Amino acid sequence: MLKTLFVAAVAACLVSVAGAEDKPATKTLEGKLVCTKCELKETKACGNCLIVTEGKKEVKYYLDDKGNKEKYHAEICQAPADAKVTGKVSKKGEKNVITDAKVVFKK
């Protein structure tokens, strides 16, 4: 009986820790906003990706948005632009993803 309660308690802890990792955290990131089709040549349709320098490497954050239908896409479709993006950051597979993105271009 005691062993069963212990196993149940450990399982409950693991589930709550796993759930905490899956919850997207709201962050503000700065970097170069680029088109996933025109600049990165990764997609058939235009999309948006923020490239952030973290330490000595570049990390890509893909915006989960309407792609070229976003107001800000015209600004970056043919050439990257410095931007600050605030949104919920999470992982989908191996990709870093930003949802509910708010984009502000640096002047």
N, C-alpha and C. Protein backbone atom coordinates (compact mmCIF):
# COMPACT_ATOMS: atom_id res chain seq x y z
N MET A 1 0.82 -1.19 0.00
CA MET A 1 0.00 0.00 0.00
C MET A 1 0.86 1.25 0.00
N LEU A 2 1.85 1.30 0.90
CA LEU A 2 2.74 2.46 0.98
C LEU A 2 3.54 2.62 -0.31
N LYS A 3 3.94 1.49 -0.86
CA LYS A 3 4.69 1.52 -2.12
C LYS A 3 3.83 2.09 -3.25
N THR A 4 2.56 1.72 -3.29
CA THR A 4 1.64 2.22 -4.31
C THR A 4 1.45 3.73 -4.19
N LEU A 5 1.29 4.22 -2.96
CA LEU A 5 1.15 5.66 -2.73
C LEU A 5 2.41 6.41 -3.17
N PHE A 6 3.57 5.83 -2.88
CA PHE A 6 4.83 6.47 -3.26
C PHE A 6 4.94 6.56 -4.79
N VAL A 7 4.62 5.47 -5.47
CA VAL A 7 4.68 5.46 -6.94
C VAL A 7 3.70 6.48 -7.51
N ALA A 8 2.51 6.58 -6.94
CA ALA A 8 1.51 7.54 -7.42
C ALA A 8 2.00 8.98 -7.20
N ALA A 9 2.63 9.23 -6.06
CA ALA A 9 3.14 10.57 -5.77
C ALA A 9 4.26 10.95 -6.73
N VAL A 10 5.15 10.02 -7.01
CA VAL A 10 6.25 10.28 -7.96
C VAL A 10 5.68 10.54 -9.34
N ALA A 11 4.71 9.75 -9.77
CA ALA A 11 4.09 9.94 -11.08
C ALA A 11 3.42 11.31 -11.17
N ALA A 12 2.73 11.73 -10.12
CA ALA A 12 2.08 13.04 -10.12
C ALA A 12 3.10 14.16 -10.24
N CYS A 13 4.22 14.03 -9.56
CA CYS A 13 5.29 15.04 -9.65
C CYS A 13 5.86 15.12 -11.06
N LEU A 14 6.08 13.96 -11.66
CA LEU A 14 6.63 13.95 -13.02
C LEU A 14 5.67 14.58 -14.00
N VAL A 15 4.38 14.32 -13.86
CA VAL A 15 3.39 14.91 -14.76
C VAL A 15 3.38 16.42 -14.60
N SER A 16 3.43 16.94 -13.38
CA SER A 16 3.39 18.39 -13.20
C SER A 16 4.68 19.05 -13.69
N VAL A 17 5.82 18.39 -13.56
CA VAL A 17 7.08 18.95 -14.08
C VAL A 17 7.04 18.96 -15.60
N ALA A 18 6.57 17.87 -16.21
CA ALA A 18 6.48 17.81 -17.67
C ALA A 18 5.51 18.87 -18.18
N GLY A 19 4.41 19.07 -17.50
CA GLY A 19 3.44 20.08 -17.90
C GLY A 19 4.01 21.48 -17.83
N ALA A 20 4.86 21.74 -16.83
CA ALA A 20 5.46 23.07 -16.67
C ALA A 20 6.39 23.38 -17.83
N GLU A 21 7.08 22.38 -18.36
CA GLU A 21 8.00 22.60 -19.47
C GLU A 21 7.25 22.90 -20.76
N ASP A 22 6.05 22.35 -20.92
CA ASP A 22 5.29 22.53 -22.14
C ASP A 22 4.61 23.90 -22.21
N LYS A 23 4.45 24.56 -21.07
CA LYS A 23 3.78 25.85 -21.05
C LYS A 23 4.67 26.92 -21.67
N PRO A 24 4.19 27.61 -22.68
CA PRO A 24 5.02 28.65 -23.29
C PRO A 24 5.22 29.84 -22.35
N ALA A 25 6.44 30.33 -22.32
CA ALA A 25 6.76 31.51 -21.51
C ALA A 25 6.78 32.74 -22.41
N THR A 26 6.22 33.85 -21.95
CA THR A 26 6.24 35.09 -22.72
C THR A 26 7.62 35.72 -22.58
N LYS A 27 8.24 36.01 -23.71
CA LYS A 27 9.58 36.59 -23.73
C LYS A 27 9.65 37.68 -24.78
N THR A 28 10.62 38.55 -24.63
CA THR A 28 10.94 39.55 -25.64
C THR A 28 12.32 39.22 -26.17
N LEU A 29 12.42 39.06 -27.47
CA LEU A 29 13.69 38.72 -28.12
C LEU A 29 14.02 39.77 -29.16
N GLU A 30 15.30 40.03 -29.35
CA GLU A 30 15.75 40.98 -30.38
C GLU A 30 16.68 40.28 -31.35
N GLY A 31 16.51 40.62 -32.62
CA GLY A 31 17.36 40.03 -33.64
C GLY A 31 16.97 40.52 -35.01
N LYS A 32 17.26 39.69 -36.01
CA LYS A 32 16.91 40.01 -37.40
C LYS A 32 15.67 39.22 -37.78
N LEU A 33 14.64 39.94 -38.22
CA LEU A 33 13.43 39.29 -38.70
C LEU A 33 13.60 39.07 -40.19
N VAL A 34 13.39 37.82 -40.62
CA VAL A 34 13.62 37.46 -42.02
C VAL A 34 12.45 36.65 -42.56
N CYS A 35 12.38 36.58 -43.88
CA CYS A 35 11.38 35.77 -44.57
C CYS A 35 11.92 34.34 -44.71
N THR A 36 11.10 33.36 -44.35
CA THR A 36 11.56 31.97 -44.42
C THR A 36 11.70 31.47 -45.87
N LYS A 37 11.02 32.14 -46.80
CA LYS A 37 11.12 31.75 -48.21
C LYS A 37 12.25 32.52 -48.90
N CYS A 38 12.19 33.84 -48.84
CA CYS A 38 13.11 34.68 -49.61
C CYS A 38 14.53 34.70 -49.04
N GLU A 39 14.65 34.79 -47.75
CA GLU A 39 15.98 34.90 -47.12
C GLU A 39 16.54 33.54 -46.74
N LEU A 40 15.74 32.72 -46.06
CA LEU A 40 16.26 31.43 -45.57
C LEU A 40 16.13 30.31 -46.59
N LYS A 41 15.22 30.46 -47.56
CA LYS A 41 14.97 29.44 -48.58
C LYS A 41 14.60 28.09 -47.96
N GLU A 42 13.80 28.16 -46.87
CA GLU A 42 13.39 26.94 -46.16
C GLU A 42 11.95 26.53 -46.47
N THR A 43 11.14 27.45 -47.00
CA THR A 43 9.72 27.15 -47.22
C THR A 43 9.30 27.56 -48.63
N LYS A 44 8.20 26.99 -49.10
CA LYS A 44 7.66 27.35 -50.41
C LYS A 44 6.86 28.64 -50.33
N ALA A 45 6.25 28.90 -49.17
CA ALA A 45 5.46 30.13 -48.97
C ALA A 45 6.21 31.04 -47.99
N CYS A 46 5.95 32.32 -48.08
CA CYS A 46 6.59 33.27 -47.18
C CYS A 46 6.14 33.02 -45.74
N GLY A 47 7.08 33.16 -44.84
CA GLY A 47 6.83 33.04 -43.41
C GLY A 47 7.79 33.98 -42.69
N ASN A 48 7.73 33.99 -41.38
CA ASN A 48 8.55 34.91 -40.60
C ASN A 48 9.40 34.16 -39.58
N CYS A 49 10.65 34.58 -39.46
CA CYS A 49 11.58 33.95 -38.53
C CYS A 49 12.47 35.02 -37.93
N LEU A 50 12.63 34.98 -36.62
CA LEU A 50 13.54 35.90 -35.93
C LEU A 50 14.83 35.15 -35.65
N ILE A 51 15.94 35.70 -36.12
CA ILE A 51 17.25 35.10 -35.87
C ILE A 51 17.91 35.90 -34.76
N VAL A 52 18.19 35.21 -33.65
CA VAL A 52 18.74 35.84 -32.45
C VAL A 52 20.14 35.30 -32.20
N THR A 53 21.08 36.18 -31.87
CA THR A 53 22.42 35.74 -31.50
C THR A 53 22.43 35.45 -30.01
N GLU A 54 22.68 34.19 -29.67
CA GLU A 54 22.76 33.77 -28.27
C GLU A 54 24.16 33.21 -28.05
N GLY A 55 24.94 33.96 -27.28
CA GLY A 55 26.34 33.58 -27.12
C GLY A 55 27.06 33.79 -28.45
N LYS A 56 27.63 32.73 -28.98
CA LYS A 56 28.33 32.83 -30.27
C LYS A 56 27.57 32.16 -31.41
N LYS A 57 26.31 31.73 -31.15
CA LYS A 57 25.58 31.08 -32.24
C LYS A 57 24.25 31.77 -32.50
N GLU A 58 23.78 31.57 -33.72
CA GLU A 58 22.50 32.13 -34.12
C GLU A 58 21.40 31.09 -33.88
N VAL A 59 20.31 31.54 -33.28
CA VAL A 59 19.18 30.67 -32.98
C VAL A 59 17.96 31.21 -33.72
N LYS A 60 17.25 30.31 -34.41
CA LYS A 60 16.06 30.71 -35.17
C LYS A 60 14.80 30.49 -34.33
N TYR A 61 13.94 31.51 -34.34
CA TYR A 61 12.63 31.45 -33.70
C TYR A 61 11.58 31.69 -34.79
N TYR A 62 10.80 30.67 -35.11
CA TYR A 62 9.81 30.77 -36.17
C TYR A 62 8.51 31.34 -35.59
N LEU A 63 7.96 32.36 -36.26
CA LEU A 63 6.72 32.97 -35.80
C LEU A 63 5.55 32.15 -36.31
N ASP A 64 4.71 31.73 -35.39
CA ASP A 64 3.50 30.98 -35.74
C ASP A 64 2.41 32.02 -35.99
N ASP A 65 2.36 32.49 -37.24
CA ASP A 65 1.45 33.59 -37.61
C ASP A 65 0.89 33.36 -39.00
N LYS A 66 0.41 34.39 -39.64
CA LYS A 66 -0.21 34.29 -40.97
C LYS A 66 0.80 34.46 -42.10
N GLY A 67 2.08 34.40 -41.81
CA GLY A 67 3.11 34.51 -42.85
C GLY A 67 3.07 35.83 -43.57
N ASN A 68 2.96 35.80 -44.90
CA ASN A 68 3.01 37.05 -45.68
C ASN A 68 1.74 37.89 -45.54
N LYS A 69 0.73 37.39 -44.85
CA LYS A 69 -0.49 38.18 -44.62
C LYS A 69 -0.37 39.11 -43.41
N GLU A 70 0.71 38.96 -42.65
CA GLU A 70 0.95 39.85 -41.51
C GLU A 70 1.38 41.23 -42.00
N LYS A 71 0.94 42.27 -41.30
CA LYS A 71 1.28 43.65 -41.70
C LYS A 71 2.78 43.86 -41.80
N TYR A 72 3.52 43.25 -40.89
CA TYR A 72 4.97 43.48 -40.83
C TYR A 72 5.76 42.70 -41.87
N HIS A 73 5.14 41.76 -42.56
CA HIS A 73 5.91 40.91 -43.49
C HIS A 73 6.50 41.70 -44.66
N ALA A 74 5.76 42.66 -45.18
CA ALA A 74 6.26 43.44 -46.33
C ALA A 74 7.59 44.12 -46.00
N GLU A 75 7.79 44.45 -44.75
CA GLU A 75 9.03 45.10 -44.30
C GLU A 75 10.25 44.18 -44.43
N ILE A 76 10.03 42.86 -44.35
CA ILE A 76 11.18 41.94 -44.30
C ILE A 76 11.20 40.93 -45.45
N CYS A 77 10.26 41.00 -46.36
CA CYS A 77 10.15 39.97 -47.40
C CYS A 77 11.39 39.90 -48.29
N GLN A 78 11.93 41.00 -48.67
CA GLN A 78 13.09 40.98 -49.57
C GLN A 78 14.41 41.26 -48.87
N ALA A 79 14.35 41.79 -47.64
CA ALA A 79 15.59 42.09 -46.91
C ALA A 79 15.31 42.02 -45.41
N PRO A 80 16.22 41.42 -44.63
CA PRO A 80 16.03 41.32 -43.18
C PRO A 80 15.95 42.71 -42.53
N ALA A 81 15.31 42.76 -41.36
CA ALA A 81 15.23 44.01 -40.61
C ALA A 81 15.42 43.71 -39.12
N ASP A 82 16.09 44.62 -38.43
CA ASP A 82 16.26 44.48 -36.98
C ASP A 82 14.90 44.66 -36.31
N ALA A 83 14.57 43.75 -35.40
CA ALA A 83 13.26 43.81 -34.76
C ALA A 83 13.31 43.28 -33.34
N LYS A 84 12.31 43.69 -32.58
CA LYS A 84 12.07 43.18 -31.24
C LYS A 84 10.73 42.46 -31.29
N VAL A 85 10.70 41.20 -30.87
CA VAL A 85 9.48 40.40 -30.93
C VAL A 85 9.14 39.91 -29.52
N THR A 86 7.90 40.16 -29.11
CA THR A 86 7.41 39.68 -27.83
C THR A 86 6.31 38.67 -28.11
N GLY A 87 6.40 37.51 -27.45
CA GLY A 87 5.39 36.49 -27.63
C GLY A 87 5.66 35.29 -26.76
N LYS A 88 4.85 34.28 -26.93
CA LYS A 88 4.99 33.05 -26.14
C LYS A 88 5.96 32.12 -26.87
N VAL A 89 7.06 31.82 -26.21
CA VAL A 89 8.12 31.00 -26.81
C VAL A 89 7.99 29.57 -26.33
N SER A 90 8.01 28.64 -27.30
CA SER A 90 7.94 27.22 -26.96
C SER A 90 8.72 26.44 -28.01
N LYS A 91 8.74 25.14 -27.85
CA LYS A 91 9.38 24.25 -28.81
C LYS A 91 8.32 23.39 -29.47
N LYS A 92 8.43 23.24 -30.79
CA LYS A 92 7.61 22.28 -31.53
C LYS A 92 8.59 21.38 -32.25
N GLY A 93 8.78 20.19 -31.70
CA GLY A 93 9.81 19.31 -32.23
C GLY A 93 11.16 19.94 -31.95
N GLU A 94 11.94 20.15 -32.97
CA GLU A 94 13.26 20.76 -32.83
C GLU A 94 13.23 22.28 -33.03
N LYS A 95 12.08 22.83 -33.42
CA LYS A 95 11.99 24.25 -33.74
C LYS A 95 11.56 25.09 -32.54
N ASN A 96 12.18 26.27 -32.42
CA ASN A 96 11.72 27.28 -31.47
C ASN A 96 10.60 28.05 -32.15
N VAL A 97 9.49 28.23 -31.44
CA VAL A 97 8.31 28.86 -32.03
C VAL A 97 7.83 30.00 -31.14
N ILE A 98 7.42 31.09 -31.79
CA ILE A 98 6.83 32.23 -31.07
C ILE A 98 5.38 32.36 -31.53
N THR A 99 4.45 32.31 -30.57
CA THR A 99 3.04 32.53 -30.87
C THR A 99 2.60 33.85 -30.28
N ASP A 100 1.51 34.37 -30.76
CA ASP A 100 0.99 35.68 -30.31
C ASP A 100 2.07 36.75 -30.39
N ALA A 101 2.78 36.78 -31.50
CA ALA A 101 3.92 37.69 -31.67
C ALA A 101 3.51 39.13 -31.87
N LYS A 102 4.20 40.01 -31.18
CA LYS A 102 4.06 41.45 -31.38
C LYS A 102 5.43 41.93 -31.86
N VAL A 103 5.46 42.49 -33.07
CA VAL A 103 6.71 42.87 -33.72
C VAL A 103 6.87 44.38 -33.70
N VAL A 104 8.04 44.84 -33.28
CA VAL A 104 8.40 46.25 -33.32
C VAL A 104 9.76 46.34 -34.02
N PHE A 105 9.82 47.14 -35.11
CA PHE A 105 11.07 47.31 -35.83
C PHE A 105 11.92 48.37 -35.17
N LYS A 106 13.23 48.10 -35.14
CA LYS A 106 14.17 49.09 -34.61
C LYS A 106 14.42 50.11 -35.68
N LYS A 107 14.58 51.33 -35.28
CA LYS A 107 14.82 52.40 -36.26
C LYS A 107 16.26 52.81 -36.25
